[in-house]
Amino acid sequence: MANDSEYGLASSVWTQDVGKALTVASRLQYGCTWINTHFMLVSEMPHGGLKRSGYGKDLSAYALEDYSAVRHVMAKL
């Protein structure tokens, strides 16, 4: 039911069972999932959504892909 959305920016799992929390988090289709907290961000981690919640991953090397275009040029001289 948690994945039954066209958006996927962020989610959180609240439980005392760490194993269950990690299992649920791995199945959630969200760009960021927190366990026993919400909206804790660090600049070292990429931030961005899945599905219709944004494009790309800000605050990381992955964001460079949004500003790059891979090209191939060949010449026989």
PDB file of N, CA and C in Angstrom:
ATOM      1  N   MET A   1       0.825  -1.178   0.000  1.00  0.00           N
ATOM      2  CA  MET A   1       0.000   0.000   0.000  1.00  0.00           C
ATOM      3  C   MET A   1       0.882   1.260   0.000  1.00  0.00           C
ATOM      4  N   ALA A   2       2.033   1.205   0.653  1.00  0.00           N
ATOM      5  CA  ALA A   2       2.904   2.384   0.723  1.00  0.00           C
ATOM      6  C   ALA A   2       3.440   2.778  -0.646  1.00  0.00           C
ATOM      7  N   ASN A   3       3.617   1.828  -1.542  1.00  0.00           N
ATOM      8  CA  ASN A   3       4.137   2.122  -2.878  1.00  0.00           C
ATOM      9  C   ASN A   3       3.039   2.453  -3.882  1.00  0.00           C
ATOM     10  N   ASP A   4       1.798   2.428  -3.462  1.00  0.00           N
ATOM     11  CA  ASP A   4       0.665   2.685  -4.354  1.00  0.00           C
ATOM     12  C   ASP A   4       0.465   4.185  -4.541  1.00  0.00           C
ATOM     13  N   SER A   5       1.465   4.817  -5.100  1.00  0.00           N
ATOM     14  CA  SER A   5       1.443   6.254  -5.338  1.00  0.00           C
ATOM     15  C   SER A   5       2.272   6.543  -6.573  1.00  0.00           C
ATOM     16  N   GLU A   6       1.905   7.575  -7.300  1.00  0.00           N
ATOM     17  CA  GLU A   6       2.710   7.950  -8.461  1.00  0.00           C
ATOM     18  C   GLU A   6       3.893   8.822  -8.049  1.00  0.00           C
ATOM     19  N   TYR A   7       3.995   9.143  -6.787  1.00  0.00           N
ATOM     20  CA  TYR A   7       5.095   9.954  -6.275  1.00  0.00           C
ATOM     21  C   TYR A   7       5.991   9.114  -5.380  1.00  0.00           C
ATOM     22  N   GLY A   8       7.222   9.561  -5.189  1.00  0.00           N
ATOM     23  CA  GLY A   8       8.142   8.785  -4.362  1.00  0.00           C
ATOM     24  C   GLY A   8       9.309   9.614  -3.872  1.00  0.00           C
ATOM     25  N   LEU A   9       9.021  10.724  -3.190  1.00  0.00           N
ATOM     26  CA  LEU A   9      10.110  11.576  -2.709  1.00  0.00           C
ATOM     27  C   LEU A   9      10.742  11.010  -1.448  1.00  0.00           C
ATOM     28  N   ALA A  10       9.961  10.807  -0.408  1.00  0.00           N
ATOM     29  CA  ALA A  10      10.538  10.377   0.868  1.00  0.00           C
ATOM     30  C   ALA A  10       9.541   9.547   1.664  1.00  0.00           C
ATOM     31  N   SER A  11      10.092   8.705   2.527  1.00  0.00           N
ATOM     32  CA  SER A  11       9.265   7.870   3.398  1.00  0.00           C
ATOM     33  C   SER A  11      10.013   7.641   4.699  1.00  0.00           C
ATOM     34  N   SER A  12       9.291   7.153   5.684  1.00  0.00           N
ATOM     35  CA  SER A  12       9.948   6.785   6.937  1.00  0.00           C
ATOM     36  C   SER A  12       9.296   5.529   7.494  1.00  0.00           C
ATOM     37  N   VAL A  13      10.106   4.747   8.204  1.00  0.00           N
ATOM     38  CA  VAL A  13       9.667   3.505   8.833  1.00  0.00           C
ATOM     39  C   VAL A  13       9.897   3.666  10.325  1.00  0.00           C
ATOM     40  N   TRP A  14       8.883   3.351  11.094  1.00  0.00           N
ATOM     41  CA  TRP A  14       8.979   3.514  12.551  1.00  0.00           C
ATOM     42  C   TRP A  14       8.743   2.161  13.217  1.00  0.00           C
ATOM     43  N   THR A  15       9.762   1.638  13.893  1.00  0.00           N
ATOM     44  CA  THR A  15       9.660   0.358  14.586  1.00  0.00           C
ATOM     45  C   THR A  15      10.868   0.172  15.493  1.00  0.00           C
ATOM     46  N   GLN A  16      10.743  -0.730  16.454  1.00  0.00           N
ATOM     47  CA  GLN A  16      11.883  -1.091  17.296  1.00  0.00           C
ATOM     48  C   GLN A  16      12.647  -2.279  16.722  1.00  0.00           C
ATOM     49  N   ASP A  17      12.081  -2.925  15.711  1.00  0.00           N
ATOM     50  CA  ASP A  17      12.694  -4.091  15.087  1.00  0.00           C
ATOM     51  C   ASP A  17      13.542  -3.636  13.897  1.00  0.00           C
ATOM     52  N   VAL A  18      14.866  -3.547  14.098  1.00  0.00           N
ATOM     53  CA  VAL A  18      15.760  -3.017  13.069  1.00  0.00           C
ATOM     54  C   VAL A  18      15.741  -3.893  11.819  1.00  0.00           C
ATOM     55  N   GLY A  19      15.701  -5.197  11.978  1.00  0.00           N
ATOM     56  CA  GLY A  19      15.660  -6.100  10.832  1.00  0.00           C
ATOM     57  C   GLY A  19      14.436  -5.862   9.975  1.00  0.00           C
ATOM     58  N   LYS A  20      13.292  -5.722  10.617  1.00  0.00           N
ATOM     59  CA  LYS A  20      12.049  -5.456   9.892  1.00  0.00           C
ATOM     60  C   LYS A  20      12.115  -4.090   9.219  1.00  0.00           C
ATOM     61  N   ALA A  21      12.687  -3.117   9.898  1.00  0.00           N
ATOM     62  CA  ALA A  21      12.806  -1.772   9.324  1.00  0.00           C
ATOM     63  C   ALA A  21      13.641  -1.799   8.047  1.00  0.00           C
ATOM     64  N   LEU A  22      14.762  -2.506   8.057  1.00  0.00           N
ATOM     65  CA  LEU A  22      15.621  -2.587   6.881  1.00  0.00           C
ATOM     66  C   LEU A  22      14.936  -3.341   5.735  1.00  0.00           C
ATOM     67  N   THR A  23      14.188  -4.388   6.063  1.00  0.00           N
ATOM     68  CA  THR A  23      13.449  -5.132   5.044  1.00  0.00           C
ATOM     69  C   THR A  23      12.400  -4.254   4.386  1.00  0.00           C
ATOM     70  N   VAL A  24      11.630  -3.546   5.191  1.00  0.00           N
ATOM     71  CA  VAL A  24      10.590  -2.662   4.652  1.00  0.00           C
ATOM     72  C   VAL A  24      11.227  -1.538   3.844  1.00  0.00           C
ATOM     73  N   ALA A  25      12.290  -0.928   4.363  1.00  0.00           N
ATOM     74  CA  ALA A  25      12.953   0.177   3.660  1.00  0.00           C
ATOM     75  C   ALA A  25      13.461  -0.263   2.294  1.00  0.00           C
ATOM     76  N   SER A  26      13.957  -1.483   2.185  1.00  0.00           N
ATOM     77  CA  SER A  26      14.477  -1.960   0.896  1.00  0.00           C
ATOM     78  C   SER A  26      13.372  -2.168  -0.128  1.00  0.00           C
ATOM     79  N   ARG A  27      12.157  -2.321   0.331  1.00  0.00           N
ATOM     80  CA  ARG A  27      11.021  -2.542  -0.575  1.00  0.00           C
ATOM     81  C   ARG A  27      10.280  -1.261  -0.936  1.00  0.00           C
ATOM     82  N   LEU A  28      10.539  -0.196  -0.217  1.00  0.00           N
ATOM     83  CA  LEU A  28       9.843   1.061  -0.495  1.00  0.00           C
ATOM     84  C   LEU A  28      10.425   1.727  -1.735  1.00  0.00           C
ATOM     85  N   GLN A  29       9.565   2.268  -2.566  1.00  0.00           N
ATOM     86  CA  GLN A  29       9.976   2.918  -3.812  1.00  0.00           C
ATOM     87  C   GLN A  29      10.003   4.430  -3.612  1.00  0.00           C
ATOM     88  N   TYR A  30      10.974   4.869  -2.821  1.00  0.00           N
ATOM     89  CA  TYR A  30      11.126   6.286  -2.506  1.00  0.00           C
ATOM     90  C   TYR A  30      12.598   6.666  -2.622  1.00  0.00           C
ATOM     91  N   GLY A  31      12.852   7.913  -2.977  1.00  0.00           N
ATOM     92  CA  GLY A  31      14.224   8.373  -3.141  1.00  0.00           C
ATOM     93  C   GLY A  31      14.999   8.392  -1.844  1.00  0.00           C
ATOM     94  N   CYS A  32      14.306   8.589  -0.739  1.00  0.00           N
ATOM     95  CA  CYS A  32      14.943   8.613   0.577  1.00  0.00           C
ATOM     96  C   CYS A  32      14.005   7.959   1.585  1.00  0.00           C
ATOM     97  N   THR A  33      14.529   7.045   2.369  1.00  0.00           N
ATOM     98  CA  THR A  33      13.745   6.421   3.435  1.00  0.00           C
ATOM     99  C   THR A  33      14.520   6.524   4.735  1.00  0.00           C
ATOM    100  N   TRP A  34      13.877   7.055   5.739  1.00  0.00           N
ATOM    101  CA  TRP A  34      14.476   7.185   7.065  1.00  0.00           C
ATOM    102  C   TRP A  34      13.903   6.111   7.981  1.00  0.00           C
ATOM    103  N   ILE A  35      14.682   5.697   8.950  1.00  0.00           N
ATOM    104  CA  ILE A  35      14.231   4.746   9.954  1.00  0.00           C
ATOM    105  C   ILE A  35      14.236   5.438  11.307  1.00  0.00           C
ATOM    106  N   ASN A  36      13.074   5.477  11.932  1.00  0.00           N
ATOM    107  CA  ASN A  36      12.840   6.082  13.246  1.00  0.00           C
ATOM    108  C   ASN A  36      13.206   7.562  13.309  1.00  0.00           C
ATOM    109  N   THR A  37      13.111   8.232  12.185  1.00  0.00           N
ATOM    110  CA  THR A  37      13.297   9.682  12.116  1.00  0.00           C
ATOM    111  C   THR A  37      12.696  10.134  10.792  1.00  0.00           C
ATOM    112  N   HIS A  38      12.634  11.434  10.572  1.00  0.00           N
ATOM    113  CA  HIS A  38      12.134  11.929   9.301  1.00  0.00           C
ATOM    114  C   HIS A  38      12.781  13.272   8.988  1.00  0.00           C
ATOM    115  N   PHE A  39      13.164  13.435   7.754  1.00  0.00           N
ATOM    116  CA  PHE A  39      13.752  14.654   7.199  1.00  0.00           C
ATOM    117  C   PHE A  39      15.107  14.996   7.798  1.00  0.00           C
ATOM    118  N   MET A  40      15.929  13.988   7.954  1.00  0.00           N
ATOM    119  CA  MET A  40      17.307  14.188   8.374  1.00  0.00           C
ATOM    120  C   MET A  40      18.156  14.059   7.114  1.00  0.00           C
ATOM    121  N   LEU A  41      18.789  15.132   6.687  1.00  0.00           N
ATOM    122  CA  LEU A  41      19.592  15.131   5.470  1.00  0.00           C
ATOM    123  C   LEU A  41      21.036  15.471   5.794  1.00  0.00           C
ATOM    124  N   VAL A  42      21.939  14.897   5.041  1.00  0.00           N
ATOM    125  CA  VAL A  42      23.355  15.235   5.141  1.00  0.00           C
ATOM    126  C   VAL A  42      23.855  15.529   3.735  1.00  0.00           C
ATOM    127  N   SER A  43      24.778  16.437   3.606  1.00  0.00           N
ATOM    128  CA  SER A  43      25.235  16.873   2.291  1.00  0.00           C
ATOM    129  C   SER A  43      26.023  15.796   1.554  1.00  0.00           C
ATOM    130  N   GLU A  44      26.503  14.782   2.256  1.00  0.00           N
ATOM    131  CA  GLU A  44      27.280  13.731   1.611  1.00  0.00           C
ATOM    132  C   GLU A  44      26.420  12.715   0.865  1.00  0.00           C
ATOM    133  N   MET A  45      25.131  12.749   1.070  1.00  0.00           N
ATOM    134  CA  MET A  45      24.241  11.762   0.456  1.00  0.00           C
ATOM    135  C   MET A  45      23.413  12.399  -0.647  1.00  0.00           C
ATOM    136  N   PRO A  46      23.186  11.678  -1.745  1.00  0.00           N
ATOM    137  CA  PRO A  46      22.340  12.209  -2.809  1.00  0.00           C
ATOM    138  C   PRO A  46      20.905  12.366  -2.338  1.00  0.00           C
ATOM    139  N   HIS A  47      20.241  13.391  -2.826  1.00  0.00           N
ATOM    140  CA  HIS A  47      18.851  13.633  -2.447  1.00  0.00           C
ATOM    141  C   HIS A  47      18.024  13.807  -3.707  1.00  0.00           C
ATOM    142  N   GLY A  48      16.955  13.096  -3.819  1.00  0.00           N
ATOM    143  CA  GLY A  48      16.055  13.198  -4.959  1.00  0.00           C
ATOM    144  C   GLY A  48      15.002  12.118  -4.878  1.00  0.00           C
ATOM    145  N   GLY A  49      13.947  12.291  -5.643  1.00  0.00           N
ATOM    146  CA  GLY A  49      12.828  11.365  -5.581  1.00  0.00           C
ATOM    147  C   GLY A  49      12.831  10.330  -6.684  1.00  0.00           C
ATOM    148  N   LEU A  50      11.869   9.444  -6.600  1.00  0.00           N
ATOM    149  CA  LEU A  50      11.607   8.454  -7.636  1.00  0.00           C
ATOM    150  C   LEU A  50      10.227   8.740  -8.221  1.00  0.00           C
ATOM    151  N   LYS A  51       9.905   8.044  -9.269  1.00  0.00           N
ATOM    152  CA  LYS A  51       8.622   8.178  -9.953  1.00  0.00           C
ATOM    153  C   LYS A  51       8.410   9.637 -10.367  1.00  0.00           C
ATOM    154  N   ARG A  52       7.288  10.242 -10.005  1.00  0.00           N
ATOM    155  CA  ARG A  52       6.981  11.604 -10.434  1.00  0.00           C
ATOM    156  C   ARG A  52       7.408  12.645  -9.391  1.00  0.00           C
ATOM    157  N   SER A  53       8.326  12.287  -8.524  1.00  0.00           N
ATOM    158  CA  SER A  53       8.817  13.199  -7.485  1.00  0.00           C
ATOM    159  C   SER A  53      10.207  13.705  -7.818  1.00  0.00           C
ATOM    160  N   GLY A  54      10.302  14.452  -8.861  1.00  0.00           N
ATOM    161  CA  GLY A  54      11.574  15.064  -9.182  1.00  0.00           C
ATOM    162  C   GLY A  54      12.374  14.288 -10.194  1.00  0.00           C
ATOM    163  N   TYR A  55      13.486  14.868 -10.522  1.00  0.00           N
ATOM    164  CA  TYR A  55      14.355  14.327 -11.549  1.00  0.00           C
ATOM    165  C   TYR A  55      15.790  14.435 -11.070  1.00  0.00           C
ATOM    166  N   GLY A  56      16.512  13.364 -11.077  1.00  0.00           N
ATOM    167  CA  GLY A  56      17.920  13.420 -10.720  1.00  0.00           C
ATOM    168  C   GLY A  56      18.167  13.325  -9.228  1.00  0.00           C
ATOM    169  N   LYS A  57      19.436  13.486  -8.864  1.00  0.00           N
ATOM    170  CA  LYS A  57      19.858  13.410  -7.466  1.00  0.00           C
ATOM    171  C   LYS A  57      20.714  14.616  -7.140  1.00  0.00           C
ATOM    172  N   ASP A  58      20.156  15.562  -6.396  1.00  0.00           N
ATOM    173  CA  ASP A  58      20.894  16.752  -5.986  1.00  0.00           C
ATOM    174  C   ASP A  58      21.913  16.407  -4.904  1.00  0.00           C
ATOM    175  N   LEU A  59      22.862  17.284  -4.714  1.00  0.00           N
ATOM    176  CA  LEU A  59      23.852  17.192  -3.635  1.00  0.00           C
ATOM    177  C   LEU A  59      24.798  16.003  -3.779  1.00  0.00           C
ATOM    178  N   SER A  60      25.061  15.581  -5.016  1.00  0.00           N
ATOM    179  CA  SER A  60      25.982  14.460  -5.173  1.00  0.00           C
ATOM    180  C   SER A  60      26.589  14.465  -6.569  1.00  0.00           C
ATOM    181  N   ALA A  61      27.529  13.574  -6.767  1.00  0.00           N
ATOM    182  CA  ALA A  61      28.142  13.432  -8.091  1.00  0.00           C
ATOM    183  C   ALA A  61      27.115  12.982  -9.119  1.00  0.00           C
ATOM    184  N   TYR A  62      26.043  12.310  -8.674  1.00  0.00           N
ATOM    185  CA  TYR A  62      25.000  11.879  -9.593  1.00  0.00           C
ATOM    186  C   TYR A  62      24.319  13.071 -10.261  1.00  0.00           C
ATOM    187  N   ALA A  63      24.305  14.210  -9.594  1.00  0.00           N
ATOM    188  CA  ALA A  63      23.676  15.408 -10.159  1.00  0.00           C
ATOM    189  C   ALA A  63      24.416  15.896 -11.398  1.00  0.00           C
ATOM    190  N   LEU A  64      25.704  15.604 -11.503  1.00  0.00           N
ATOM    191  CA  LEU A  64      26.475  16.019 -12.675  1.00  0.00           C
ATOM    192  C   LEU A  64      25.913  15.432 -13.961  1.00  0.00           C
ATOM    193  N   GLU A  65      25.322  14.254 -13.872  1.00  0.00           N
ATOM    194  CA  GLU A  65      24.730  13.633 -15.052  1.00  0.00           C
ATOM    195  C   GLU A  65      23.616  14.487 -15.648  1.00  0.00           C
ATOM    196  N   ASP A  66      22.921  15.251 -14.806  1.00  0.00           N
ATOM    197  CA  ASP A  66      21.841  16.106 -15.290  1.00  0.00           C
ATOM    198  C   ASP A  66      22.368  17.278 -16.113  1.00  0.00           C
ATOM    199  N   TYR A  67      23.627  17.617 -15.916  1.00  0.00           N
ATOM    200  CA  TYR A  67      24.217  18.761 -16.605  1.00  0.00           C
ATOM    201  C   TYR A  67      25.229  18.334 -17.660  1.00  0.00           C
ATOM    202  N   SER A  68      25.259  17.048 -17.963  1.00  0.00           N
ATOM    203  CA  SER A  68      26.234  16.515 -18.911  1.00  0.00           C
ATOM    204  C   SER A  68      25.529  15.854 -20.084  1.00  0.00           C
ATOM    205  N   ALA A  69      26.194  15.879 -21.199  1.00  0.00           N
ATOM    206  CA  ALA A  69      25.716  15.154 -22.377  1.00  0.00           C
ATOM    207  C   ALA A  69      26.882  14.331 -22.908  1.00  0.00           C
ATOM    208  N   VAL A  70      26.714  13.035 -22.933  1.00  0.00           N
ATOM    209  CA  VAL A  70      27.771  12.167 -23.420  1.00  0.00           C
ATOM    210  C   VAL A  70      27.754  12.209 -24.944  1.00  0.00           C
ATOM    211  N   ARG A  71      28.907  12.454 -25.513  1.00  0.00           N
ATOM    212  CA  ARG A  71      29.026  12.533 -26.968  1.00  0.00           C
ATOM    213  C   ARG A  71      30.182  11.666 -27.410  1.00  0.00           C
ATOM    214  N   HIS A  72      30.116  11.265 -28.651  1.00  0.00           N
ATOM    215  CA  HIS A  72      31.165  10.454 -29.240  1.00  0.00           C
ATOM    216  C   HIS A  72      31.519  11.067 -30.583  1.00  0.00           C
ATOM    217  N   VAL A  73      32.772  11.396 -30.751  1.00  0.00           N
ATOM    218  CA  VAL A  73      33.238  11.969 -32.015  1.00  0.00           C
ATOM    219  C   VAL A  73      34.368  11.084 -32.528  1.00  0.00           C
ATOM    220  N   MET A  74      34.244  10.654 -33.789  1.00  0.00           N
ATOM    221  CA  MET A  74      35.288   9.815 -34.401  1.00  0.00           C
ATOM    222  C   MET A  74      35.748  10.482 -35.686  1.00  0.00           C
ATOM    223  N   ALA A  75      37.019  10.342 -35.974  1.00  0.00           N
ATOM    224  CA  ALA A  75      37.554  10.905 -37.227  1.00  0.00           C
ATOM    225  C   ALA A  75      38.628   9.977 -37.767  1.00  0.00           C
ATOM    226  N   LYS A  76      38.626   9.804 -39.044  1.00  0.00           N
ATOM    227  CA  LYS A  76      39.706   9.091 -39.717  1.00  0.00           C
ATOM    228  C   LYS A  76      40.432  10.122 -40.547  1.00  0.00           C
ATOM    229  N   LEU A  77      41.647  10.434 -40.135  1.00  0.00           N
ATOM    230  CA  LEU A  77      42.396  11.516 -40.788  1.00  0.00           C
ATOM    231  C   LEU A  77      43.468  10.983 -41.704  1.00  0.00           C
TER     232      LEU A  77
END
